Amino acid sequence: MSFLMPKMPPMPAIPAPQPLPEPPKYDDKDRAAETAAKQAKMRAARTGRSATILTTAQGLEDDETSTKKTLLGG
């Protein structure tokens, strides 16, 4: 009773895979320019914030000594 279940047609031939294109280079001029621009932008943002800091680890940058007596000082 093959008329109820027809035969499967043969599978078509699988074409050979094409070679992959050459991947982009990691160290090209465009990437170096983009990296330099990004670092310059970060450097500019960093200097903007550091200019507002008026103290150091040793205290204020000014060497003014207070002449007013305090309760704790003497």
N, C-alpha and C. Protein backbone atom coordinates (compact mmCIF):
# COMPACT_ATOMS: atom_id res chain seq x y z
N MET A 1 0.82 -1.18 0.00
CA MET A 1 0.00 0.00 0.00
C MET A 1 0.87 1.25 0.00
N SER A 2 1.63 1.37 -0.97
CA SER A 2 2.53 2.51 -1.04
C SER A 2 1.83 3.77 -1.55
N PHE A 3 0.62 3.67 -2.05
CA PHE A 3 -0.06 4.87 -2.51
C PHE A 3 -0.54 5.72 -1.34
N LEU A 4 -0.67 5.14 -0.13
CA LEU A 4 -1.05 5.92 1.05
C LEU A 4 0.15 6.64 1.65
N MET A 5 1.29 6.09 1.51
CA MET A 5 2.51 6.70 2.05
C MET A 5 3.52 6.84 0.91
N PRO A 6 3.52 8.01 0.23
CA PRO A 6 4.44 8.15 -0.89
C PRO A 6 5.89 8.17 -0.40
N LYS A 7 6.78 7.82 -1.28
CA LYS A 7 8.20 7.79 -0.93
C LYS A 7 8.72 9.21 -0.84
N MET A 8 9.69 9.40 0.07
CA MET A 8 10.32 10.71 0.26
C MET A 8 11.22 11.00 -0.94
N PRO A 9 11.23 12.25 -1.41
CA PRO A 9 12.17 12.59 -2.48
C PRO A 9 13.59 12.61 -1.92
N PRO A 10 14.58 12.38 -2.76
CA PRO A 10 15.96 12.39 -2.23
C PRO A 10 16.37 13.78 -1.76
N MET A 11 17.23 13.83 -0.76
CA MET A 11 17.71 15.10 -0.20
C MET A 11 18.59 15.81 -1.24
N PRO A 12 18.48 17.13 -1.35
CA PRO A 12 19.36 17.83 -2.28
C PRO A 12 20.79 17.83 -1.75
N ALA A 13 21.72 18.01 -2.65
CA ALA A 13 23.14 18.02 -2.26
C ALA A 13 23.44 19.29 -1.45
N ILE A 14 24.22 19.13 -0.40
CA ILE A 14 24.58 20.26 0.45
C ILE A 14 25.75 21.00 -0.19
N PRO A 15 25.62 22.32 -0.41
CA PRO A 15 26.72 23.05 -1.03
C PRO A 15 27.90 23.17 -0.05
N ALA A 16 29.09 23.30 -0.63
CA ALA A 16 30.29 23.44 0.21
C ALA A 16 30.26 24.80 0.91
N PRO A 17 30.70 24.86 2.16
CA PRO A 17 30.67 26.15 2.88
C PRO A 17 31.68 27.13 2.30
N GLN A 18 31.30 28.39 2.30
CA GLN A 18 32.19 29.44 1.80
C GLN A 18 33.20 29.80 2.89
N PRO A 19 34.42 30.16 2.53
CA PRO A 19 35.39 30.55 3.56
C PRO A 19 34.96 31.86 4.22
N LEU A 20 35.25 31.99 5.48
CA LEU A 20 34.88 33.18 6.23
C LEU A 20 35.74 34.37 5.81
N PRO A 21 35.18 35.59 5.88
CA PRO A 21 35.99 36.76 5.54
C PRO A 21 37.05 36.99 6.62
N GLU A 22 38.07 37.73 6.26
CA GLU A 22 39.16 38.03 7.19
C GLU A 22 38.62 38.89 8.34
N PRO A 23 38.88 38.54 9.59
CA PRO A 23 38.37 39.35 10.70
C PRO A 23 39.09 40.70 10.74
N PRO A 24 38.44 41.73 11.29
CA PRO A 24 39.09 43.05 11.35
C PRO A 24 40.28 43.01 12.31
N LYS A 25 41.26 43.81 12.01
CA LYS A 25 42.46 43.88 12.84
C LYS A 25 42.16 44.60 14.14
N TYR A 26 42.76 44.16 15.21
CA TYR A 26 42.54 44.78 16.52
C TYR A 26 43.32 46.09 16.64
N ASP A 27 44.52 46.15 16.10
CA ASP A 27 45.37 47.32 16.22
C ASP A 27 45.36 48.12 14.92
N ASP A 28 44.24 48.71 14.57
CA ASP A 28 44.21 49.54 13.38
C ASP A 28 44.17 51.02 13.78
N LYS A 29 44.30 51.90 12.82
CA LYS A 29 44.39 53.33 13.10
C LYS A 29 43.08 53.90 13.63
N ASP A 30 41.96 53.41 13.12
CA ASP A 30 40.67 53.92 13.58
C ASP A 30 40.46 53.59 15.05
N ARG A 31 40.80 52.39 15.44
CA ARG A 31 40.63 51.98 16.85
C ARG A 31 41.57 52.78 17.75
N ALA A 32 42.80 53.03 17.31
CA ALA A 32 43.75 53.81 18.10
C ALA A 32 43.25 55.24 18.27
N ALA A 33 42.70 55.83 17.22
CA ALA A 33 42.17 57.19 17.31
C ALA A 33 40.96 57.25 18.24
N GLU A 34 40.11 56.25 18.17
CA GLU A 34 38.93 56.20 19.04
C GLU A 34 39.35 56.06 20.51
N THR A 35 40.33 55.22 20.77
CA THR A 35 40.82 55.03 22.14
C THR A 35 41.45 56.31 22.67
N ALA A 36 42.24 57.00 21.83
CA ALA A 36 42.87 58.25 22.26
C ALA A 36 41.83 59.31 22.57
N ALA A 37 40.78 59.39 21.77
CA ALA A 37 39.72 60.37 22.02
C ALA A 37 38.97 60.06 23.31
N LYS A 38 38.73 58.77 23.55
CA LYS A 38 38.02 58.38 24.77
C LYS A 38 38.87 58.68 26.01
N GLN A 39 40.18 58.43 25.94
CA GLN A 39 41.05 58.72 27.08
C GLN A 39 41.17 60.22 27.31
N ALA A 40 41.21 61.03 26.25
CA ALA A 40 41.27 62.48 26.41
C ALA A 40 40.01 63.00 27.07
N LYS A 41 38.87 62.44 26.71
CA LYS A 41 37.61 62.86 27.32
C LYS A 41 37.58 62.50 28.80
N MET A 42 38.06 61.30 29.15
CA MET A 42 38.10 60.91 30.57
C MET A 42 39.08 61.79 31.35
N ARG A 43 40.23 62.13 30.74
CA ARG A 43 41.22 62.95 31.40
C ARG A 43 40.67 64.36 31.67
N ALA A 44 39.92 64.91 30.71
CA ALA A 44 39.32 66.23 30.88
C ALA A 44 38.28 66.22 31.99
N ALA A 45 37.50 65.16 32.07
CA ALA A 45 36.49 65.06 33.12
C ALA A 45 37.13 64.91 34.50
N ARG A 46 38.24 64.20 34.56
CA ARG A 46 38.92 63.98 35.83
C ARG A 46 39.56 65.27 36.35
N THR A 47 40.15 66.06 35.47
CA THR A 47 40.80 67.29 35.93
C THR A 47 39.76 68.31 36.37
N GLY A 48 38.56 68.26 35.82
CA GLY A 48 37.51 69.18 36.22
C GLY A 48 37.11 68.98 37.67
N ARG A 49 37.03 67.74 38.11
CA ARG A 49 36.65 67.47 39.50
C ARG A 49 37.80 67.73 40.46
N SER A 50 39.02 67.41 40.04
CA SER A 50 40.14 67.56 40.97
C SER A 50 40.47 69.03 41.21
N ALA A 51 40.06 69.91 40.34
CA ALA A 51 40.33 71.33 40.54
C ALA A 51 39.50 71.91 41.68
N THR A 52 38.42 71.24 42.08
CA THR A 52 37.57 71.76 43.14
C THR A 52 38.00 71.29 44.53
N ILE A 53 38.93 70.35 44.59
CA ILE A 53 39.37 69.83 45.88
C ILE A 53 40.38 70.81 46.48
N LEU A 54 40.09 71.32 47.68
CA LEU A 54 40.94 72.33 48.29
C LEU A 54 41.76 71.80 49.46
N THR A 55 41.60 70.55 49.80
CA THR A 55 42.35 70.00 50.92
C THR A 55 43.23 68.86 50.44
N THR A 56 44.24 68.55 51.26
CA THR A 56 45.12 67.43 50.98
C THR A 56 45.08 66.49 52.17
N ALA A 57 45.91 65.50 52.19
CA ALA A 57 45.96 64.58 53.32
C ALA A 57 46.48 65.28 54.57
N GLN A 58 47.27 66.35 54.38
CA GLN A 58 47.82 67.08 55.53
C GLN A 58 46.88 68.20 55.98
N GLY A 59 45.79 68.42 55.32
CA GLY A 59 44.85 69.46 55.71
C GLY A 59 44.69 70.48 54.60
N LEU A 60 44.36 71.70 54.98
CA LEU A 60 44.17 72.75 53.98
C LEU A 60 45.49 73.10 53.32
N GLU A 61 45.40 73.58 52.08
CA GLU A 61 46.60 73.96 51.36
C GLU A 61 47.15 75.30 51.83
N ASP A 62 46.31 76.13 52.42
CA ASP A 62 46.77 77.44 52.91
C ASP A 62 47.59 77.25 54.19
N ASP A 63 48.62 78.08 54.35
CA ASP A 63 49.46 78.00 55.55
C ASP A 63 49.07 79.07 56.58
N GLU A 64 47.85 79.48 56.54
CA GLU A 64 47.41 80.50 57.50
C GLU A 64 47.31 79.87 58.89
N THR A 65 47.90 80.53 59.84
CA THR A 65 47.76 80.09 61.23
C THR A 65 46.76 80.99 61.90
N SER A 66 45.92 80.40 62.64
CA SER A 66 44.87 81.15 63.30
C SER A 66 45.45 81.85 64.53
N THR A 67 45.13 83.11 64.67
CA THR A 67 45.61 83.86 65.84
C THR A 67 44.57 83.85 66.94
N LYS A 68 43.40 83.35 66.66
CA LYS A 68 42.34 83.31 67.65
C LYS A 68 42.56 82.12 68.57
N LYS A 69 42.48 82.34 69.86
CA LYS A 69 42.65 81.26 70.81
C LYS A 69 41.41 80.39 70.82
N THR A 70 41.63 79.11 71.00
CA THR A 70 40.52 78.18 71.07
C THR A 70 40.47 77.59 72.47
N LEU A 71 39.40 76.94 72.79
CA LEU A 71 39.27 76.33 74.11
C LEU A 71 40.19 75.14 74.27
N LEU A 72 40.45 74.43 73.22
CA LEU A 72 41.28 73.25 73.30
C LEU A 72 42.76 73.58 73.13
N GLY A 73 43.07 74.61 72.40
CA GLY A 73 44.44 74.95 72.04
C GLY A 73 45.22 75.60 73.16
N GLY A 74 45.39 76.67 73.39
CA GLY A 74 46.16 77.26 74.49
C GLY A 74 46.62 78.62 74.18
